[in-house]
Protein backbone atom coordinates (compact mmCIF):
# COMPACT_ATOMS: atom_id res chain seq x y z
CA MET A 1 73.85 50.01 28.86
CA LYS A 2 76.87 50.61 31.17
CA VAL A 3 79.38 47.85 31.59
CA LEU A 4 78.79 47.60 35.32
CA LYS A 5 75.08 46.98 34.75
CA LYS A 6 75.99 44.20 32.32
CA LEU A 7 78.15 42.56 34.97
CA MET A 8 75.35 42.86 37.55
CA LEU A 9 72.91 41.22 35.14
CA LEU A 10 75.37 38.36 34.64
CA LEU A 11 75.65 37.80 38.41
CA ALA A 12 71.88 38.04 38.82
CA ALA A 13 71.39 35.49 36.04
CA VAL A 14 73.53 32.99 37.88
CA GLY A 15 71.29 33.08 40.90
CA ALA A 16 68.06 33.14 38.88
CA VAL A 17 68.43 29.79 37.14
CA SER A 18 68.95 27.63 40.19
CA CYS A 19 69.16 27.56 43.98
CA VAL A 20 72.83 27.62 44.74
CA SER A 21 75.02 28.05 47.81
CA GLU A 22 77.29 31.04 48.32
CA GLY A 23 80.28 28.85 47.42
CA GLN A 24 78.63 27.57 44.26
CA LEU A 25 77.67 31.11 43.33
CA LYS A 26 81.26 32.21 43.72
CA ASP A 27 82.41 29.33 41.53
CA LYS A 28 79.96 30.24 38.80
CA VAL A 29 80.92 33.88 38.96
CA ALA A 30 84.62 32.91 38.78
CA LYS A 31 83.87 30.81 35.70
CA ILE A 32 82.04 33.64 33.97
CA LEU A 33 84.87 36.09 34.70
CA LYS A 34 87.45 33.52 33.53
CA GLU A 35 85.59 33.08 30.25
CA ASN A 36 84.92 36.85 29.88
CA PRO A 37 87.78 38.63 31.70
CA LYS A 38 87.14 41.84 29.76
CA VAL A 39 83.77 42.22 31.52
CA LEU A 40 85.53 42.77 34.86
CA ALA A 41 88.27 44.95 33.36
CA ASP A 42 85.70 47.15 31.64
CA ALA A 43 83.67 47.37 34.82
CA ILE A 44 86.72 48.50 36.82
CA GLU A 45 87.69 51.03 34.20
CA ALA A 46 84.18 52.45 34.04
CA ASN A 47 83.82 52.64 37.84
CA PRO A 48 87.33 53.01 39.42
CA ALA A 49 86.15 54.79 42.57
CA GLU A 50 83.54 52.13 43.34
CA PHE A 51 86.07 49.40 42.69
CA VAL A 52 88.71 50.91 45.03
CA GLU A 53 86.06 51.36 47.73
CA ALA A 54 84.93 47.75 47.36
CA VAL A 55 88.51 46.45 47.58
CA GLN A 56 89.26 48.51 50.67
CA LYS A 57 86.08 47.30 52.31
CA ALA A 58 86.90 43.65 51.45
CA ALA A 59 90.45 44.12 52.79
CA LYS A 60 89.16 45.61 56.02
CA ASN A 61 86.66 42.78 56.45
CA ALA A 62 89.37 40.18 55.78
CA GLN A 63 91.69 41.75 58.33
CA GLN A 64 88.94 41.85 60.97
CA ALA A 65 88.07 38.20 60.26
CA MET A 66 91.73 37.14 60.48
CA ALA A 67 92.18 39.09 63.75
CA ALA A 68 89.05 37.47 65.22
CA LYS A 69 90.31 34.04 64.17
CA ARG A 70 93.76 34.63 65.75
CA GLU A 71 92.11 35.91 68.92
CA GLU A 72 89.91 32.83 69.13
CA GLU A 73 92.90 30.54 68.53
CA GLU A 74 94.92 32.31 71.26
CA ARG A 75 91.93 32.11 73.61
CA LYS A 76 91.72 28.34 73.13
CA LYS A 77 95.47 27.91 73.62
CA LEU A 78 95.30 30.01 76.80
CA GLU A 79 92.41 27.92 78.12
CA GLU A 80 94.39 24.71 77.54
CA THR A 81 97.37 25.97 79.55
CA TYR A 82 95.27 26.48 82.66
CA ASP A 83 94.98 22.67 82.82
CA ASN A 84 98.24 21.84 81.08
CA PRO A 85 100.64 24.58 82.13
CA LEU A 86 103.90 25.26 80.30
CA LYS A 87 106.99 24.30 82.30
CA PRO A 88 109.99 26.54 81.78
CA VAL A 89 113.23 25.23 83.22
CA ILE A 90 114.23 26.94 86.45
CA ARG A 91 117.93 26.13 86.80
CA ASP A 92 119.60 25.30 90.09
CA ASP A 93 121.69 28.43 89.82
CA GLU A 94 118.82 30.65 88.55
CA SER A 95 118.80 34.18 89.88
CA ILE A 96 115.41 34.85 91.42
CA ARG A 97 114.15 38.37 91.88
CA GLY A 98 111.57 38.67 94.58
CA THR A 99 110.85 35.67 96.81
CA LYS A 100 112.25 32.25 96.00
CA GLY A 101 109.51 29.66 96.21
CA ALA A 102 106.78 32.26 95.99
CA PRO A 103 103.28 31.17 94.84
CA ILE A 104 103.55 33.27 91.63
CA THR A 105 106.37 32.33 89.27
CA LEU A 106 106.89 34.86 86.52
CA VAL A 107 109.31 34.06 83.71
CA GLU A 108 110.14 36.65 81.07
CA TYR A 109 111.89 36.14 77.70
CA SER A 110 113.26 39.55 76.83
CA ASP A 111 115.43 41.65 74.56
CA PHE A 112 117.30 44.58 76.11
CA GLU A 113 116.96 46.63 72.94
CA CYS A 114 113.25 46.00 72.31
CA PRO A 115 111.07 49.07 73.15
CA PHE A 116 108.14 46.83 74.01
CA CYS A 117 110.34 45.06 76.60
CA THR A 118 110.69 48.43 78.38
CA ARG A 119 106.95 48.29 78.75
CA GLY A 120 107.25 44.70 79.98
CA PHE A 121 109.85 45.78 82.49
CA LYS A 122 107.52 48.38 83.97
CA THR A 123 104.65 45.83 84.08
CA VAL A 124 106.84 43.36 85.98
CA GLN A 125 107.53 46.10 88.52
CA GLU A 126 103.79 46.70 88.91
CA ILE A 127 103.17 42.96 89.42
CA MET A 128 105.83 42.71 92.07
CA GLU A 129 104.48 45.82 93.86
CA ALA A 130 100.90 44.54 93.72
CA TYR A 131 101.81 41.15 95.20
CA PRO A 132 104.71 41.87 97.65
CA GLY A 133 106.55 38.76 98.74
CA LYS A 134 104.45 36.54 96.51
CA VAL A 135 106.33 36.73 93.20
CA ALA A 136 109.47 34.90 92.03
CA PHE A 137 110.67 36.61 88.85
CA VAL A 138 113.08 34.97 86.45
CA TYR A 139 114.69 36.93 83.59
CA LYS A 140 115.54 34.95 80.46
CA HIS A 141 116.97 36.01 77.12
CA LEU A 142 115.45 36.32 73.67
CA PRO A 143 117.70 38.78 71.84
CA LEU A 144 116.26 39.34 68.34
CA SER A 145 118.71 39.31 65.40
CA PHE A 146 117.68 42.72 64.08
CA HIS A 147 118.56 44.43 67.38
CA LYS A 148 122.28 44.95 67.07
CA GLN A 149 123.05 45.47 70.74
CA ALA A 150 120.61 42.92 72.17
CA MET A 151 122.96 39.91 72.24
CA ILE A 152 125.94 41.68 73.70
CA ALA A 153 123.67 43.29 76.36
CA SER A 154 122.48 39.79 77.30
CA GLN A 155 126.12 38.64 77.55
CA TYR A 156 126.97 41.51 79.85
CA TYR A 157 123.99 40.71 82.06
CA GLU A 158 125.02 37.08 82.34
CA ALA A 159 128.69 37.98 82.98
CA ILE A 160 127.60 40.26 85.83
CA ARG A 161 125.10 37.67 87.10
CA LEU A 162 127.96 35.18 87.55
CA GLN A 163 129.55 37.67 89.97
CA ASP A 164 126.45 38.87 91.81
CA ALA A 165 122.70 38.47 91.10
CA GLU A 166 121.73 41.82 92.71
CA LYS A 167 124.30 43.68 90.55
CA ALA A 168 122.87 41.92 87.48
CA PHE A 169 119.35 43.04 88.41
CA LYS A 170 120.60 46.60 88.85
CA PHE A 171 122.30 46.37 85.41
CA HIS A 172 118.98 45.11 83.98
CA ASP A 173 117.09 48.07 85.44
CA GLU A 174 119.67 50.67 84.36
CA VAL A 175 119.67 49.41 80.75
CA PHE A 176 115.90 49.55 80.48
CA ASP A 177 115.76 52.94 82.19
CA ASN A 178 118.29 54.25 79.67
CA GLN A 179 117.52 52.05 76.65
CA ARG A 180 118.12 54.69 74.01
CA GLN A 181 121.78 54.87 74.98
CA LEU A 182 122.23 51.30 73.79
CA LYS A 183 123.03 52.88 70.42
CA ASN A 184 126.42 53.65 71.97
CA GLY A 185 127.15 49.93 72.15
CA GLU A 186 129.68 48.44 74.54
CA SER A 187 130.84 51.80 75.88
CA PHE A 188 127.35 52.25 77.36
CA LEU A 189 127.24 48.68 78.69
CA LYS A 190 130.66 49.06 80.31
CA SER A 191 129.61 52.29 81.98
CA ILE A 192 126.55 50.61 83.45
CA ALA A 193 128.59 47.60 84.58
CA LYS A 194 130.97 49.87 86.39
CA LYS A 195 128.11 51.85 87.90
CA VAL A 196 126.56 48.73 89.45
CA GLY A 197 129.94 47.69 90.91
CA ALA A 198 130.91 44.81 88.61
CA ASP A 199 134.50 43.57 88.64
CA MET A 200 135.49 44.70 85.11
CA GLY A 201 138.50 42.40 84.94
CA LYS A 202 136.47 39.27 85.65
CA LEU A 203 133.68 40.50 83.33
CA ALA A 204 136.10 40.91 80.44
CA LYS A 205 137.29 37.31 80.79
CA VAL A 206 133.86 35.71 80.52
CA VAL A 207 131.61 38.11 78.63
CA ASN A 208 132.34 36.38 75.28
CA SER A 209 132.71 32.89 76.70
CA GLU A 210 130.99 29.79 75.30
CA GLU A 211 129.44 29.23 78.77
CA ILE A 212 127.52 32.49 78.58
CA LYS A 213 126.55 32.09 74.94
CA LYS A 214 125.33 28.58 75.63
CA ARG A 215 123.09 29.79 78.44
CA ILE A 216 121.55 32.49 76.25
CA ASP A 217 121.03 30.04 73.45
CA GLU A 218 119.25 27.65 75.82
CA ASP A 219 116.86 30.46 76.81
CA MET A 220 116.20 31.27 73.13
CA GLN A 221 115.50 27.62 72.32
CA GLU A 222 113.11 27.29 75.30
CA ALA A 223 111.29 30.46 74.17
CA ALA A 224 110.96 29.00 70.66
CA SER A 225 109.54 25.74 72.05
CA PHE A 226 106.78 27.78 73.69
CA GLY A 227 106.00 29.61 70.46
CA MET A 228 107.61 32.88 71.61
CA GLN A 229 108.64 34.55 68.36
CA GLY A 230 108.67 38.17 69.50
CA THR A 231 109.43 40.01 72.69
CA PRO A 232 108.55 40.31 75.43
CA GLY A 233 107.11 36.90 76.22
CA PHE A 234 106.00 35.76 79.67
CA ILE A 235 104.94 32.60 81.44
CA ILE A 236 103.06 33.14 84.65
CA ASN A 237 102.46 29.95 86.57
CA GLY A 238 102.50 28.04 83.30
CA VAL A 239 100.22 30.45 81.40
CA PRO A 240 101.82 32.22 78.44
CA VAL A 241 101.49 35.91 77.68
CA LYS A 242 102.89 36.95 74.31
CA GLY A 243 103.44 40.63 74.14
CA ALA A 244 103.66 43.76 76.29
CA TYR A 245 100.25 43.46 77.91
CA PRO A 246 99.30 45.78 80.77
CA PHE A 247 99.18 44.84 84.40
CA SER A 248 95.44 44.30 84.21
CA HIS A 249 95.97 41.34 81.83
CA PHE A 250 98.32 39.59 84.28
CA LYS A 251 95.99 40.40 87.17
CA GLY A 252 93.19 38.68 85.28
CA ILE A 253 95.24 35.53 84.80
CA ILE A 254 96.24 35.51 88.51
CA GLU A 255 92.60 35.84 89.51
CA GLU A 256 91.56 33.07 87.10
CA LEU A 257 94.25 30.75 88.52
CA THR A 258 93.05 31.57 91.99
CA LYS A 259 89.42 30.95 91.08
CA ARG A 260 90.30 27.55 89.58
CA GLY A 261 92.18 26.56 92.73
CA LYS A 262 95.54 26.46 90.97
CA LEU A 263 97.01 29.37 92.93
CA LYS A 264 96.76 30.28 96.62
CA LEU A 265 97.82 33.77 97.68
């Protein structure tokens, strides 16, 4: 008799002697295999293709189950924030893009070097075009350590913002429109700063200042407090969006907020 058939008979015998739960059955099978490890080894050796197929199927099922669990957990967290919205700090000197005091407040935690943040940049543009005059957009920093140019790009943005918010927003757009050139480091950042009309003398004096580094660090700490581990991350009227989701996702949140009476457009 083949080894695999022997193993199957062993498993069948476990269920034949008593009515057991799936968990108990697994425990009994584990005990048998612990006491007779060669049975499993021989079965694998005799039927390698079937074993590999079974492992691949089990791995796929486990991945699907974990994904479903994460999705359900995120759905519950999202539901909670409709009634208990997150509250990012909007500083007194915050640079607002769009309309200050608008009914939709969109905060982004971003990394200038992150390719997914380029998608997020385009989605923000779509949102502002879809709701003209009704969006106040705030750009915050979450430069990731493995992106070599992300931190210095954030520092340049802040140094320019101290001079002029509109020039900083233009710098923001130019960097994302030409993100691949970030590999050229500060030479690229300086060229963009000059292009948007920044005072390069003033910029040089503050770009590496503790003031600017402290502001970026505060953004990073705030993002971490909201569970933002990757980029981009958004908070739209207190509701978090973790990732580069399309415009339709944000539109759905806006519609849900409106339906619940928490947003009036």
